[in-house]
């Protein structure tokens, strides 16, 4: 399942509640995932990953204030 996301920009959510975002899944193994960001390379054990999400559409910011 993760192999289909290889090379795509994803956000990884971990079982402790933290996340890694703005990175690309570079390599996927049966025990580890190599995740590349602009500043670092993370080698993440599969067992520490809760979910992997991919943004399919950019969110529009909410308007603040009163409309004319």
Protein backbone atom coordinates (compact mmCIF):
# COMPACT_ATOMS: atom_id res chain seq x y z
CA UNK A 1 0.00 0.00 0.00
CA UNK A 2 2.80 2.44 0.83
CA UNK A 3 4.59 1.55 -2.38
CA UNK A 4 1.91 3.40 -4.36
CA UNK A 5 2.86 6.63 -2.50
CA UNK A 6 6.58 6.37 -3.26
CA UNK A 7 7.91 9.61 -4.75
CA UNK A 8 4.91 11.66 -3.61
CA UNK A 9 4.78 14.46 -1.04
CA UNK A 10 3.02 13.14 2.06
CA UNK A 11 2.52 13.84 5.75
CA UNK A 12 3.35 11.03 8.18
CA UNK A 13 1.46 10.92 11.48
CA UNK A 14 3.12 8.90 14.25
CA UNK A 15 1.57 6.85 17.05
CA UNK A 16 2.82 9.37 19.66
CA UNK A 17 0.78 12.18 18.06
CA UNK A 18 3.59 14.01 16.24
CA UNK A 19 3.92 14.32 12.48
CA UNK A 20 6.46 14.92 9.72
CA UNK A 21 5.26 17.03 6.82
CA UNK A 22 6.45 18.58 3.55
CA UNK A 23 8.55 15.57 2.65
CA UNK A 24 8.70 12.87 -0.01
CA UNK A 25 8.62 9.10 0.48
CA UNK A 26 11.92 8.08 -1.09
CA UNK A 27 12.34 4.38 -0.32
CA UNK A 28 10.00 1.85 1.23
CA UNK A 29 11.12 -1.40 2.82
CA UNK A 30 9.24 -4.05 4.78
CA UNK A 31 10.58 -2.55 8.06
CA UNK A 32 11.57 1.08 7.31
CA UNK A 33 10.56 4.11 5.25
CA UNK A 34 13.06 6.71 4.03
CA UNK A 35 11.42 10.17 4.14
CA UNK A 36 13.20 13.20 2.65
CA UNK A 37 12.47 16.81 3.61
CA UNK A 38 14.26 19.95 2.52
CA UNK A 39 16.48 19.84 5.62
CA UNK A 40 16.81 16.20 6.66
CA UNK A 41 16.48 12.53 5.77
CA UNK A 42 14.40 10.45 8.15
CA UNK A 43 14.55 6.67 8.36
CA UNK A 44 11.26 5.75 10.03
CA UNK A 45 10.29 2.31 11.35
CA UNK A 46 6.97 1.12 9.91
CA UNK A 47 5.75 0.21 13.42
CA UNK A 48 5.86 3.88 14.54
CA UNK A 49 3.56 5.15 11.74
CA UNK A 50 -0.13 5.67 12.50
CA UNK A 51 -1.29 7.19 9.19
CA UNK A 52 0.12 8.61 5.97
CA UNK A 53 -1.85 11.40 4.32
CA UNK A 54 -1.49 13.09 0.96
CA UNK A 55 -3.02 16.47 0.13
CA UNK A 56 -5.09 16.26 -3.02
CA UNK A 57 -6.37 19.84 -3.04
CA UNK A 58 -5.03 23.05 -1.53
CA UNK A 59 -7.26 24.46 1.18
CA UNK A 60 -8.65 27.96 0.82
CA UNK A 61 -8.02 30.20 3.84
CA UNK A 62 -11.07 31.41 5.72
CA UNK A 63 -12.03 35.01 5.21
CA UNK A 64 -11.81 37.17 8.29
CA UNK A 65 -13.97 40.23 8.75
CA UNK A 66 -17.17 41.52 7.24
CA UNK A 67 -18.04 41.35 3.57
CA UNK A 68 -19.09 44.64 1.92
